[in-house]
Amino acid sequence: MSSSALPTLSSSQVKEVDALAEERFGIPLDWLMEAAGWQVARLVEGRAVVVCGVGNNAGDGFAAARHIHRWGRLVRTCCVDAARLRGPAERQYRVLGNQGVEVSAGLVLDGADVVVDAIFGTGLSRPPEGTFALWIEAINASGLEVVSVDVPSGLDAETGVAYSPTVVAQLTIALGLPKPGLLQRPGRVVVADIGVPAEAYAAVGVKVPAGLFAHGDVVRL
């Protein structure tokens, strides 16, 4: 599908839609995060290291890691700072741990075919710093295939500005709808359905084409 045929969802609209899904439609963020993780896991091929930050994007990553683990393809999961996890992301972290998966506090990519980038989501508006920046640089230097969750970490989802550093992803899995900044980036982009009602998008002024996922729950841009 042409990118011009799809509306985009801004960072502020993402927050509004998440809130509406729960408050008006009874679909908690935990459910959307679970659906996001399932979609990401399905699209990751080969043995994977899942690299998580500290926000909701990390929660999507932990959910994906759990499914990849069940399918016997998880090399390890790494998190920048698990102590900073809150809410649904922290719950996904705990559920992953309940299955016996230890989360590394250091970045180790050995043994992987692919890196799942779940460090930053749509909320980033300045260059990554500290450990976040070091991990992004290491991912880019690894030579491994990279799959980014929703947006490549380091990319401003609103403007398309690629801060230094930004993950160079071969595939980005946009969750629900693409984000404006993605349309200017190289690499393949697919849009995955995570169960957000069209009515929730409409409530924030976004009209989703009828039958967007009628022929499959993943659409390639």
N, C-alpha and C. Protein backbone atom coordinates (compact mmCIF):
# COMPACT_ATOMS: atom_id res chain seq x y z
N MET A 1 0.84 -1.20 0.00
CA MET A 1 0.00 0.00 0.00
C MET A 1 0.87 1.24 0.00
N SER A 2 0.49 2.24 -0.77
CA SER A 2 1.24 3.47 -0.81
C SER A 2 1.12 4.19 0.53
N SER A 3 2.24 4.81 0.96
CA SER A 3 2.20 5.54 2.23
C SER A 3 1.21 6.69 2.18
N SER A 4 0.95 7.21 0.97
CA SER A 4 0.01 8.33 0.84
C SER A 4 -1.43 7.89 1.08
N ALA A 5 -1.67 6.57 1.02
CA ALA A 5 -3.03 6.06 1.22
C ALA A 5 -3.36 5.86 2.68
N LEU A 6 -2.37 6.00 3.54
CA LEU A 6 -2.57 5.77 4.97
C LEU A 6 -2.40 7.06 5.75
N PRO A 7 -3.27 7.31 6.73
CA PRO A 7 -3.02 8.43 7.64
C PRO A 7 -1.87 8.08 8.57
N THR A 8 -1.31 9.09 9.21
CA THR A 8 -0.27 8.86 10.21
C THR A 8 -0.80 9.26 11.58
N LEU A 9 -0.08 8.81 12.59
CA LEU A 9 -0.48 9.07 13.97
C LEU A 9 0.67 9.76 14.69
N SER A 10 0.40 10.97 15.19
CA SER A 10 1.44 11.73 15.88
C SER A 10 1.67 11.17 17.28
N SER A 11 2.75 11.62 17.89
CA SER A 11 3.08 11.15 19.25
C SER A 11 1.97 11.48 20.24
N SER A 12 1.43 12.69 20.14
CA SER A 12 0.36 13.07 21.06
C SER A 12 -0.90 12.25 20.79
N GLN A 13 -1.17 11.95 19.53
CA GLN A 13 -2.33 11.14 19.20
C GLN A 13 -2.18 9.71 19.69
N VAL A 14 -0.96 9.19 19.68
CA VAL A 14 -0.72 7.85 20.23
C VAL A 14 -1.18 7.80 21.68
N LYS A 15 -0.81 8.79 22.47
CA LYS A 15 -1.20 8.82 23.88
C LYS A 15 -2.72 8.94 24.03
N GLU A 16 -3.32 9.79 23.18
CA GLU A 16 -4.78 9.96 23.25
C GLU A 16 -5.49 8.67 22.89
N VAL A 17 -5.03 8.01 21.84
CA VAL A 17 -5.68 6.77 21.40
C VAL A 17 -5.53 5.68 22.45
N ASP A 18 -4.35 5.57 23.05
CA ASP A 18 -4.15 4.59 24.12
C ASP A 18 -5.13 4.82 25.26
N ALA A 19 -5.30 6.09 25.63
CA ALA A 19 -6.20 6.42 26.73
C ALA A 19 -7.66 6.13 26.35
N LEU A 20 -8.04 6.51 25.14
CA LEU A 20 -9.41 6.28 24.68
C LEU A 20 -9.73 4.80 24.58
N ALA A 21 -8.77 4.02 24.11
CA ALA A 21 -9.00 2.58 23.96
C ALA A 21 -9.41 1.98 25.31
N GLU A 22 -8.76 2.44 26.37
CA GLU A 22 -9.07 1.90 27.69
C GLU A 22 -10.32 2.53 28.30
N GLU A 23 -10.39 3.85 28.26
CA GLU A 23 -11.46 4.54 28.98
C GLU A 23 -12.81 4.41 28.30
N ARG A 24 -12.83 4.46 26.97
CA ARG A 24 -14.11 4.44 26.25
C ARG A 24 -14.47 3.05 25.74
N PHE A 25 -13.46 2.26 25.39
CA PHE A 25 -13.73 0.98 24.74
C PHE A 25 -13.34 -0.24 25.59
N GLY A 26 -12.75 0.01 26.75
CA GLY A 26 -12.45 -1.09 27.66
C GLY A 26 -11.30 -1.97 27.22
N ILE A 27 -10.41 -1.42 26.40
CA ILE A 27 -9.25 -2.18 25.91
C ILE A 27 -8.01 -1.62 26.60
N PRO A 28 -7.49 -2.28 27.63
CA PRO A 28 -6.36 -1.73 28.37
C PRO A 28 -5.08 -1.73 27.55
N LEU A 29 -4.17 -0.84 27.93
CA LEU A 29 -2.89 -0.74 27.25
C LEU A 29 -2.14 -2.07 27.29
N ASP A 30 -2.30 -2.83 28.36
CA ASP A 30 -1.65 -4.14 28.45
C ASP A 30 -2.05 -5.04 27.27
N TRP A 31 -3.32 -4.97 26.86
CA TRP A 31 -3.77 -5.80 25.75
C TRP A 31 -3.13 -5.35 24.45
N LEU A 32 -3.08 -4.03 24.25
CA LEU A 32 -2.46 -3.51 23.03
C LEU A 32 -0.98 -3.86 22.99
N MET A 33 -0.33 -3.80 24.14
CA MET A 33 1.10 -4.13 24.23
C MET A 33 1.31 -5.61 23.91
N GLU A 34 0.43 -6.45 24.40
CA GLU A 34 0.53 -7.87 24.11
C GLU A 34 0.37 -8.14 22.62
N ALA A 35 -0.62 -7.47 22.00
CA ALA A 35 -0.83 -7.64 20.56
C ALA A 35 0.38 -7.14 19.78
N ALA A 36 0.95 -6.03 20.22
CA ALA A 36 2.14 -5.49 19.56
C ALA A 36 3.29 -6.48 19.63
N GLY A 37 3.50 -7.06 20.81
CA GLY A 37 4.57 -8.03 20.98
C GLY A 37 4.38 -9.25 20.09
N TRP A 38 3.14 -9.72 20.00
CA TRP A 38 2.83 -10.87 19.16
C TRP A 38 3.17 -10.57 17.71
N GLN A 39 2.76 -9.40 17.23
CA GLN A 39 3.03 -9.04 15.83
C GLN A 39 4.52 -8.93 15.57
N VAL A 40 5.24 -8.30 16.47
CA VAL A 40 6.69 -8.16 16.29
C VAL A 40 7.34 -9.54 16.25
N ALA A 41 6.98 -10.40 17.19
CA ALA A 41 7.59 -11.74 17.24
C ALA A 41 7.34 -12.52 15.96
N ARG A 42 6.14 -12.42 15.42
CA ARG A 42 5.81 -13.14 14.19
C ARG A 42 6.69 -12.72 13.01
N LEU A 43 7.10 -11.47 13.01
CA LEU A 43 7.82 -10.91 11.87
C LEU A 43 9.33 -10.97 12.02
N VAL A 44 9.79 -11.46 13.16
CA VAL A 44 11.24 -11.58 13.39
C VAL A 44 11.67 -12.98 12.99
N GLU A 45 12.63 -13.06 12.07
CA GLU A 45 13.13 -14.34 11.59
C GLU A 45 14.54 -14.58 12.11
N GLY A 46 14.82 -15.79 12.52
CA GLY A 46 16.15 -16.12 13.00
C GLY A 46 16.28 -15.97 14.51
N ARG A 47 17.47 -16.20 15.00
CA ARG A 47 17.76 -16.12 16.44
C ARG A 47 17.94 -14.65 16.82
N ALA A 48 17.23 -14.24 17.88
CA ALA A 48 17.09 -12.81 18.15
C ALA A 48 17.58 -12.41 19.54
N VAL A 49 18.18 -11.22 19.59
CA VAL A 49 18.40 -10.50 20.84
C VAL A 49 17.41 -9.35 20.85
N VAL A 50 16.62 -9.24 21.90
CA VAL A 50 15.66 -8.15 22.04
C VAL A 50 16.25 -7.11 22.98
N VAL A 51 16.34 -5.87 22.50
CA VAL A 51 17.00 -4.80 23.25
C VAL A 51 15.95 -3.76 23.64
N CYS A 52 15.77 -3.57 24.95
CA CYS A 52 14.68 -2.74 25.45
C CYS A 52 15.19 -1.52 26.19
N GLY A 53 14.41 -0.45 26.10
CA GLY A 53 14.67 0.75 26.87
C GLY A 53 13.92 0.71 28.19
N VAL A 54 13.20 1.80 28.50
CA VAL A 54 12.54 1.87 29.81
C VAL A 54 11.08 2.31 29.74
N GLY A 55 10.55 2.54 28.53
CA GLY A 55 9.18 3.01 28.38
C GLY A 55 8.26 1.95 27.80
N ASN A 56 7.14 2.40 27.22
CA ASN A 56 6.17 1.46 26.67
C ASN A 56 6.73 0.68 25.49
N ASN A 57 7.64 1.27 24.73
CA ASN A 57 8.28 0.55 23.64
C ASN A 57 9.00 -0.68 24.18
N ALA A 58 9.61 -0.54 25.34
CA ALA A 58 10.26 -1.68 25.99
C ALA A 58 9.25 -2.77 26.32
N GLY A 59 8.06 -2.37 26.76
CA GLY A 59 7.02 -3.35 27.06
C GLY A 59 6.65 -4.16 25.84
N ASP A 60 6.55 -3.50 24.68
CA ASP A 60 6.31 -4.22 23.44
C ASP A 60 7.44 -5.22 23.19
N GLY A 61 8.67 -4.79 23.47
CA GLY A 61 9.83 -5.65 23.28
C GLY A 61 9.80 -6.86 24.20
N PHE A 62 9.46 -6.66 25.47
CA PHE A 62 9.39 -7.79 26.41
C PHE A 62 8.32 -8.79 25.98
N ALA A 63 7.17 -8.27 25.52
CA ALA A 63 6.11 -9.16 25.05
C ALA A 63 6.59 -9.96 23.84
N ALA A 64 7.28 -9.30 22.93
CA ALA A 64 7.82 -9.99 21.75
C ALA A 64 8.83 -11.05 22.19
N ALA A 65 9.69 -10.70 23.14
CA ALA A 65 10.72 -11.63 23.61
C ALA A 65 10.08 -12.89 24.19
N ARG A 66 8.97 -12.73 24.88
CA ARG A 66 8.32 -13.90 25.48
C ARG A 66 7.86 -14.89 24.41
N HIS A 67 7.28 -14.38 23.33
CA HIS A 67 6.83 -15.27 22.25
C HIS A 67 8.02 -15.87 21.51
N ILE A 68 9.03 -15.06 21.24
CA ILE A 68 10.23 -15.57 20.56
C ILE A 68 10.87 -16.67 21.41
N HIS A 69 10.85 -16.48 22.73
CA HIS A 69 11.37 -17.50 23.65
C HIS A 69 10.56 -18.79 23.53
N ARG A 70 9.25 -18.68 23.49
CA ARG A 70 8.41 -19.87 23.39
C ARG A 70 8.71 -20.66 22.12
N TRP A 71 9.10 -19.93 21.08
CA TRP A 71 9.37 -20.57 19.79
C TRP A 71 10.83 -21.01 19.65
N GLY A 72 11.60 -20.84 20.71
CA GLY A 72 12.96 -21.37 20.73
C GLY A 72 13.98 -20.55 19.96
N ARG A 73 13.69 -19.26 19.77
CA ARG A 73 14.59 -18.43 18.95
C ARG A 73 15.16 -17.23 19.71
N LEU A 74 14.93 -17.16 21.01
CA LEU A 74 15.43 -16.03 21.79
C LEU A 74 16.84 -16.32 22.29
N VAL A 75 17.80 -15.50 21.89
CA VAL A 75 19.16 -15.62 22.39
C VAL A 75 19.25 -14.97 23.77
N ARG A 76 18.78 -13.75 23.87
CA ARG A 76 18.70 -13.08 25.18
C ARG A 76 17.88 -11.80 25.02
N THR A 77 17.53 -11.24 26.18
CA THR A 77 16.86 -9.95 26.25
C THR A 77 17.72 -9.02 27.09
N CYS A 78 17.88 -7.78 26.64
CA CYS A 78 18.69 -6.80 27.35
C CYS A 78 17.84 -5.57 27.64
N CYS A 79 18.05 -4.95 28.78
CA CYS A 79 17.31 -3.74 29.14
C CYS A 79 18.27 -2.70 29.69
N VAL A 80 18.12 -1.47 29.22
CA VAL A 80 19.01 -0.38 29.63
C VAL A 80 18.99 -0.19 31.14
N ASP A 81 17.78 -0.18 31.74
CA ASP A 81 17.67 0.04 33.18
C ASP A 81 16.31 -0.45 33.66
N ALA A 82 16.24 -1.72 34.02
CA ALA A 82 14.96 -2.33 34.41
C ALA A 82 14.32 -1.66 35.61
N ALA A 83 15.12 -1.02 36.46
CA ALA A 83 14.57 -0.36 37.65
C ALA A 83 13.68 0.82 37.29
N ARG A 84 13.80 1.33 36.08
CA ARG A 84 13.00 2.49 35.66
C ARG A 84 11.69 2.09 34.98
N LEU A 85 11.46 0.82 34.79
CA LEU A 85 10.23 0.36 34.14
C LEU A 85 9.03 0.64 35.04
N ARG A 86 7.93 1.01 34.41
CA ARG A 86 6.71 1.30 35.16
C ARG A 86 5.49 0.77 34.39
N GLY A 87 4.40 0.55 35.10
CA GLY A 87 3.12 0.24 34.47
C GLY A 87 3.15 -1.01 33.61
N PRO A 88 2.49 -0.97 32.45
CA PRO A 88 2.42 -2.16 31.59
C PRO A 88 3.78 -2.70 31.18
N ALA A 89 4.76 -1.83 30.97
CA ALA A 89 6.09 -2.29 30.59
C ALA A 89 6.72 -3.11 31.71
N GLU A 90 6.55 -2.65 32.94
CA GLU A 90 7.10 -3.39 34.07
C GLU A 90 6.38 -4.72 34.24
N ARG A 91 5.09 -4.75 33.95
CA ARG A 91 4.35 -6.01 34.06
C ARG A 91 4.82 -7.00 32.99
N GLN A 92 5.07 -6.51 31.79
CA GLN A 92 5.58 -7.41 30.74
C GLN A 92 6.96 -7.96 31.12
N TYR A 93 7.76 -7.13 31.75
CA TYR A 93 9.08 -7.55 32.22
C TYR A 93 8.93 -8.68 33.25
N ARG A 94 8.00 -8.51 34.18
CA ARG A 94 7.81 -9.53 35.21
C ARG A 94 7.28 -10.84 34.62
N VAL A 95 6.34 -10.74 33.67
CA VAL A 95 5.79 -11.94 33.05
C VAL A 95 6.89 -12.70 32.30
N LEU A 96 7.77 -11.96 31.63
CA LEU A 96 8.89 -12.60 30.94
C LEU A 96 9.77 -13.34 31.95
N GLY A 97 10.04 -12.70 33.07
CA GLY A 97 10.84 -13.32 34.11
C GLY A 97 10.19 -14.56 34.69
N ASN A 98 8.84 -14.55 34.76
CA ASN A 98 8.12 -15.70 35.29
C ASN A 98 8.33 -16.95 34.43
N GLN A 99 8.72 -16.74 33.18
CA GLN A 99 8.98 -17.87 32.28
C GLN A 99 10.45 -18.28 32.32
N GLY A 100 11.19 -17.73 33.27
CA GLY A 100 12.56 -18.13 33.44
C GLY A 100 13.56 -17.41 32.56
N VAL A 101 13.11 -16.33 31.92
CA VAL A 101 14.01 -15.56 31.05
C VAL A 101 14.68 -14.47 31.87
N GLU A 102 15.98 -14.52 31.99
CA GLU A 102 16.72 -13.47 32.67
C GLU A 102 17.00 -12.32 31.70
N VAL A 103 16.85 -11.11 32.18
CA VAL A 103 17.09 -9.93 31.36
C VAL A 103 18.44 -9.34 31.72
N SER A 104 19.28 -9.21 30.74
CA SER A 104 20.64 -8.72 30.96
C SER A 104 20.67 -7.20 31.10
N ALA A 105 21.47 -6.71 32.04
CA ALA A 105 21.66 -5.27 32.20
C ALA A 105 22.74 -4.73 31.28
N GLY A 106 23.42 -5.61 30.58
CA GLY A 106 24.43 -5.22 29.61
C GLY A 106 23.99 -5.65 28.22
N LEU A 107 24.56 -5.02 27.21
CA LEU A 107 24.22 -5.34 25.83
C LEU A 107 25.17 -6.41 25.31
N VAL A 108 24.63 -7.59 25.00
CA VAL A 108 25.42 -8.69 24.44
C VAL A 108 24.67 -9.20 23.22
N LEU A 109 25.28 -9.09 22.05
CA LEU A 109 24.62 -9.46 20.80
C LEU A 109 25.15 -10.78 20.22
N ASP A 110 26.11 -11.40 20.89
CA ASP A 110 26.71 -12.64 20.39
C ASP A 110 25.66 -13.72 20.18
N GLY A 111 25.78 -14.44 19.08
CA GLY A 111 24.91 -15.57 18.81
C GLY A 111 23.61 -15.24 18.11
N ALA A 112 23.38 -13.96 17.83
CA ALA A 112 22.11 -13.55 17.23
C ALA A 112 22.24 -13.38 15.71
N ASP A 113 21.11 -13.58 15.04
CA ASP A 113 20.98 -13.25 13.62
C ASP A 113 20.34 -11.88 13.44
N VAL A 114 19.54 -11.50 14.42
CA VAL A 114 18.76 -10.27 14.29
C VAL A 114 18.65 -9.59 15.65
N VAL A 115 18.62 -8.27 15.63
CA VAL A 115 18.39 -7.47 16.83
C VAL A 115 17.01 -6.84 16.75
N VAL A 116 16.22 -7.00 17.78
CA VAL A 116 14.92 -6.32 17.89
C VAL A 116 15.14 -5.06 18.71
N ASP A 117 14.95 -3.92 18.08
CA ASP A 117 15.18 -2.62 18.69
C ASP A 117 13.90 -2.11 19.33
N ALA A 118 13.85 -2.15 20.67
CA ALA A 118 12.72 -1.64 21.43
C ALA A 118 13.22 -0.67 22.50
N ILE A 119 14.13 0.20 22.09
CA ILE A 119 14.75 1.13 23.04
C ILE A 119 13.90 2.38 23.22
N PHE A 120 13.59 3.07 22.12
CA PHE A 120 12.76 4.28 22.17
C PHE A 120 11.57 4.12 21.25
N GLY A 121 10.44 4.70 21.66
CA GLY A 121 9.25 4.72 20.83
C GLY A 121 8.98 6.11 20.28
N THR A 122 7.72 6.51 20.36
CA THR A 122 7.30 7.77 19.72
C THR A 122 7.59 9.00 20.57
N GLY A 123 8.01 8.83 21.81
CA GLY A 123 8.14 9.98 22.70
C GLY A 123 9.46 10.72 22.62
N LEU A 124 10.41 10.24 21.83
CA LEU A 124 11.74 10.84 21.80
C LEU A 124 11.73 12.18 21.05
N SER A 125 12.31 13.21 21.68
CA SER A 125 12.37 14.53 21.02
C SER A 125 13.73 15.19 21.17
N ARG A 126 14.76 14.41 21.51
CA ARG A 126 16.12 14.94 21.63
C ARG A 126 17.09 13.79 21.41
N PRO A 127 18.35 14.09 21.15
CA PRO A 127 19.31 13.02 20.87
C PRO A 127 19.46 12.06 22.05
N PRO A 128 19.58 10.78 21.78
CA PRO A 128 19.85 9.81 22.85
C PRO A 128 21.19 10.11 23.52
N GLU A 129 21.25 9.81 24.80
CA GLU A 129 22.47 10.08 25.56
C GLU A 129 22.86 8.85 26.38
N GLY A 130 24.07 8.88 26.91
CA GLY A 130 24.54 7.87 27.86
C GLY A 130 24.45 6.46 27.31
N THR A 131 23.97 5.55 28.15
CA THR A 131 23.87 4.14 27.77
C THR A 131 22.98 3.95 26.56
N PHE A 132 21.91 4.73 26.47
CA PHE A 132 21.02 4.62 25.31
C PHE A 132 21.80 4.83 24.01
N ALA A 133 22.59 5.88 23.97
CA ALA A 133 23.37 6.19 22.78
C ALA A 133 24.41 5.11 22.50
N LEU A 134 25.08 4.65 23.55
CA LEU A 134 26.10 3.62 23.39
C LEU A 134 25.50 2.33 22.83
N TRP A 135 24.33 1.95 23.30
CA TRP A 135 23.70 0.74 22.81
C TRP A 135 23.27 0.89 21.35
N ILE A 136 22.74 2.05 20.99
CA ILE A 136 22.35 2.28 19.60
C ILE A 136 23.57 2.19 18.68
N GLU A 137 24.66 2.80 19.10
CA GLU A 137 25.89 2.74 18.29
C GLU A 137 26.38 1.31 18.14
N ALA A 138 26.29 0.53 19.21
CA ALA A 138 26.73 -0.86 19.17
C ALA A 138 25.84 -1.70 18.23
N ILE A 139 24.56 -1.44 18.27
CA ILE A 139 23.64 -2.15 17.36
C ILE A 139 24.00 -1.85 15.91
N ASN A 140 24.23 -0.58 15.60
CA ASN A 140 24.58 -0.19 14.24
C ASN A 140 25.90 -0.78 13.79
N ALA A 141 26.83 -0.95 14.73
CA ALA A 141 28.16 -1.47 14.39
C ALA A 141 28.19 -2.99 14.33
N SER A 142 27.09 -3.65 14.73
CA SER A 142 27.11 -5.10 14.86
C SER A 142 27.07 -5.84 13.53
N GLY A 143 26.55 -5.20 12.51
CA GLY A 143 26.39 -5.86 11.22
C GLY A 143 25.21 -6.80 11.16
N LEU A 144 24.42 -6.87 12.23
CA LEU A 144 23.26 -7.75 12.26
C LEU A 144 22.04 -7.08 11.64
N GLU A 145 21.10 -7.89 11.19
CA GLU A 145 19.82 -7.35 10.74
C GLU A 145 19.13 -6.72 11.94
N VAL A 146 18.45 -5.60 11.72
CA VAL A 146 17.77 -4.91 12.81
C VAL A 146 16.29 -4.73 12.46
N VAL A 147 15.44 -5.11 13.40
CA VAL A 147 14.00 -4.88 13.30
C VAL A 147 13.61 -3.91 14.40
N SER A 148 13.06 -2.76 14.03
CA SER A 148 12.67 -1.76 15.03
C SER A 148 11.18 -1.84 15.32
N VAL A 149 10.86 -1.63 16.58
CA VAL A 149 9.47 -1.67 17.04
C VAL A 149 8.88 -0.27 16.99
N ASP A 150 7.95 -0.06 16.10
CA ASP A 150 7.19 1.18 15.88
C ASP A 150 8.00 2.26 15.16
N VAL A 151 9.15 2.64 15.71
CA VAL A 151 10.07 3.58 15.04
C VAL A 151 11.51 3.18 15.38
N PRO A 152 12.46 3.42 14.50
CA PRO A 152 13.85 3.17 14.87
C PRO A 152 14.27 4.09 16.02
N SER A 153 14.91 3.52 17.01
CA SER A 153 15.31 4.32 18.18
C SER A 153 16.29 5.41 17.77
N GLY A 154 15.99 6.64 18.23
CA GLY A 154 16.79 7.80 17.85
C GLY A 154 16.10 8.66 16.83
N LEU A 155 15.03 8.15 16.23
CA LEU A 155 14.27 8.92 15.24
C LEU A 155 13.17 9.71 15.93
N ASP A 156 13.05 10.98 15.57
CA ASP A 156 11.92 11.78 16.04
C ASP A 156 10.70 11.38 15.22
N ALA A 157 9.74 10.72 15.87
CA ALA A 157 8.60 10.16 15.16
C ALA A 157 7.73 11.24 14.52
N GLU A 158 7.80 12.47 15.04
CA GLU A 158 7.00 13.57 14.51
C GLU A 158 7.61 14.17 13.26
N THR A 159 8.90 14.50 13.34
CA THR A 159 9.55 15.30 12.30
C THR A 159 10.37 14.49 11.32
N GLY A 160 10.74 13.27 11.71
CA GLY A 160 11.63 12.48 10.87
C GLY A 160 13.09 12.79 11.07
N VAL A 161 13.40 13.70 12.00
CA VAL A 161 14.80 14.00 12.29
C VAL A 161 15.46 12.77 12.89
N ALA A 162 16.57 12.36 12.30
CA ALA A 162 17.34 11.23 12.83
C ALA A 162 18.45 11.80 13.71
N TYR A 163 18.25 11.74 14.99
CA TYR A 163 19.25 12.26 15.92
C TYR A 163 20.50 11.39 15.85
N SER A 164 21.56 11.91 16.39
CA SER A 164 22.80 11.15 16.45
C SER A 164 22.97 10.59 17.87
N PRO A 165 22.94 9.24 18.00
CA PRO A 165 22.77 8.23 16.96
C PRO A 165 21.32 7.80 16.79
N THR A 166 21.01 7.22 15.63
CA THR A 166 19.71 6.60 15.36
C THR A 166 19.94 5.20 14.84
N VAL A 167 19.14 4.27 15.29
CA VAL A 167 19.24 2.89 14.80
C VAL A 167 18.97 2.86 13.30
N VAL A 168 19.80 2.12 12.59
CA VAL A 168 19.58 1.88 11.16
C VAL A 168 18.89 0.53 11.03
N ALA A 169 17.60 0.58 10.76
CA ALA A 169 16.79 -0.64 10.73
C ALA A 169 16.52 -1.09 9.31
N GLN A 170 16.60 -2.40 9.09
CA GLN A 170 16.20 -2.95 7.80
C GLN A 170 14.69 -3.09 7.70
N LEU A 171 14.05 -3.27 8.87
CA LEU A 171 12.60 -3.39 8.92
C LEU A 171 12.09 -2.63 10.14
N THR A 172 11.05 -1.82 9.93
CA THR A 172 10.34 -1.19 11.05
C THR A 172 8.90 -1.66 11.04
N ILE A 173 8.44 -2.11 12.19
CA ILE A 173 7.06 -2.58 12.33
C ILE A 173 6.26 -1.47 13.01
N ALA A 174 5.53 -0.70 12.22
CA ALA A 174 4.70 0.38 12.76
C ALA A 174 3.46 -0.24 13.38
N LEU A 175 3.15 0.16 14.58
CA LEU A 175 2.05 -0.44 15.35
C LEU A 175 0.77 0.36 15.18
N GLY A 176 -0.22 -0.27 14.58
CA GLY A 176 -1.52 0.38 14.39
C GLY A 176 -1.56 1.23 13.15
N LEU A 177 -0.79 2.31 13.15
CA LEU A 177 -0.65 3.22 12.00
C LEU A 177 0.79 3.71 11.95
N PRO A 178 1.27 4.12 10.77
CA PRO A 178 2.63 4.66 10.69
C PRO A 178 2.72 6.02 11.36
N LYS A 179 3.92 6.37 11.81
CA LYS A 179 4.18 7.66 12.42
C LYS A 179 4.78 8.58 11.36
N PRO A 180 4.52 9.89 11.42
CA PRO A 180 4.93 10.79 10.34
C PRO A 180 6.41 10.69 9.97
N GLY A 181 7.28 10.59 10.97
CA GLY A 181 8.71 10.58 10.70
C GLY A 181 9.19 9.37 9.93
N LEU A 182 8.41 8.28 9.96
CA LEU A 182 8.82 7.06 9.27
C LEU A 182 8.83 7.22 7.77
N LEU A 183 8.00 8.10 7.25
CA LEU A 183 7.82 8.20 5.82
C LEU A 183 9.05 8.74 5.11
N GLN A 184 9.99 9.29 5.87
CA GLN A 184 11.19 9.86 5.28
C GLN A 184 12.42 8.98 5.48
N ARG A 185 12.25 7.80 6.04
CA ARG A 185 13.39 6.95 6.39
C ARG A 185 13.59 5.82 5.38
N PRO A 186 14.84 5.44 5.14
CA PRO A 186 15.09 4.25 4.32
C PRO A 186 14.72 2.99 5.09
N GLY A 187 14.70 1.87 4.40
CA GLY A 187 14.35 0.61 5.04
C GLY A 187 12.89 0.27 4.82
N ARG A 188 12.56 -0.99 4.99
CA ARG A 188 11.21 -1.48 4.78
C ARG A 188 10.34 -1.15 5.99
N VAL A 189 9.11 -0.77 5.73
CA VAL A 189 8.15 -0.47 6.80
C VAL A 189 6.88 -1.28 6.56
N VAL A 190 6.43 -1.96 7.60
CA VAL A 190 5.13 -2.61 7.56
C VAL A 190 4.28 -2.05 8.70
N VAL A 191 2.97 -2.09 8.49
CA VAL A 191 2.03 -1.62 9.51
C VAL A 191 1.28 -2.84 10.03
N ALA A 192 1.31 -3.04 11.34
CA ALA A 192 0.70 -4.22 11.95
C ALA A 192 -0.51 -3.81 12.79
N ASP A 193 -1.58 -4.53 12.62
CA ASP A 193 -2.80 -4.31 13.41
C ASP A 193 -2.56 -4.79 14.84
N ILE A 194 -2.87 -3.93 15.82
CA ILE A 194 -2.75 -4.35 17.22
C ILE A 194 -4.09 -4.24 17.96
N GLY A 195 -5.18 -4.07 17.21
CA GLY A 195 -6.50 -4.13 17.82
C GLY A 195 -7.09 -2.82 18.28
N VAL A 196 -6.53 -1.70 17.83
CA VAL A 196 -7.12 -0.41 18.20
C VAL A 196 -8.39 -0.19 17.38
N PRO A 197 -9.52 0.11 18.01
CA PRO A 197 -10.76 0.34 17.26
C PRO A 197 -10.65 1.55 16.34
N ALA A 198 -11.23 1.46 15.16
CA ALA A 198 -11.25 2.59 14.23
C ALA A 198 -11.91 3.80 14.88
N GLU A 199 -12.86 3.53 15.78
CA GLU A 199 -13.57 4.62 16.46
C GLU A 199 -12.63 5.41 17.37
N ALA A 200 -11.62 4.75 17.93
CA ALA A 200 -10.65 5.45 18.77
C ALA A 200 -9.80 6.40 17.92
N TYR A 201 -9.40 5.94 16.74
CA TYR A 201 -8.67 6.82 15.83
C TYR A 201 -9.56 7.99 15.40
N ALA A 202 -10.82 7.69 15.06
CA ALA A 202 -11.73 8.74 14.60
C ALA A 202 -11.93 9.80 15.67
N ALA A 203 -11.92 9.40 16.93
CA ALA A 203 -12.13 10.33 18.04
C ALA A 203 -11.00 11.36 18.15
N VAL A 204 -9.83 11.05 17.60
CA VAL A 204 -8.72 12.01 17.62
C VAL A 204 -8.50 12.63 16.23
N GLY A 205 -9.50 12.45 15.34
CA GLY A 205 -9.46 13.10 14.04
C GLY A 205 -8.71 12.35 12.96
N VAL A 206 -8.50 11.05 13.16
CA VAL A 206 -7.77 10.25 12.18
C VAL A 206 -8.73 9.25 11.54
N LYS A 207 -8.90 9.37 10.24
CA LYS A 207 -9.81 8.48 9.51
C LYS A 207 -9.01 7.33 8.90
N VAL A 208 -9.30 6.14 9.35
CA VAL A 208 -8.60 4.94 8.87
C VAL A 208 -9.37 4.37 7.69
N PRO A 209 -8.69 4.05 6.58
CA PRO A 209 -9.39 3.48 5.42
C PRO A 209 -10.16 2.23 5.79
N ALA A 210 -11.39 2.13 5.29
CA ALA A 210 -12.19 0.94 5.55
C ALA A 210 -11.48 -0.28 4.97
N GLY A 211 -11.47 -1.34 5.73
CA GLY A 211 -10.85 -2.58 5.26
C GLY A 211 -9.35 -2.54 5.19
N LEU A 212 -8.72 -1.67 5.99
CA LEU A 212 -7.25 -1.57 5.96
C LEU A 212 -6.60 -2.93 6.15
N PHE A 213 -7.11 -3.71 7.09
CA PHE A 213 -6.52 -5.02 7.36
C PHE A 213 -7.42 -6.16 6.89
N ALA A 214 -8.28 -5.88 5.92
CA ALA A 214 -9.25 -6.88 5.46
C ALA A 214 -8.57 -8.09 4.83
N HIS A 215 -7.41 -7.91 4.26
CA HIS A 215 -6.73 -9.01 3.57
C HIS A 215 -5.50 -9.51 4.32
N GLY A 216 -5.38 -9.09 5.56
CA GLY A 216 -4.25 -9.52 6.37
C GLY A 216 -3.97 -8.50 7.45
N ASP A 217 -3.38 -8.95 8.55
CA ASP A 217 -3.19 -8.06 9.69
C ASP A 217 -1.85 -7.31 9.65
N VAL A 218 -1.12 -7.49 8.56
CA VAL A 218 0.12 -6.73 8.33
C VAL A 218 0.10 -6.18 6.91
N VAL A 219 0.32 -4.87 6.79
CA VAL A 219 0.28 -4.20 5.48
C VAL A 219 1.65 -3.58 5.22
N ARG A 220 2.19 -3.85 4.05
CA ARG A 220 3.48 -3.27 3.71
C ARG A 220 3.29 -1.92 3.04
N LEU A 221 4.09 -0.93 3.47
CA LEU A 221 4.05 0.38 2.82
C LEU A 221 4.91 0.35 1.56
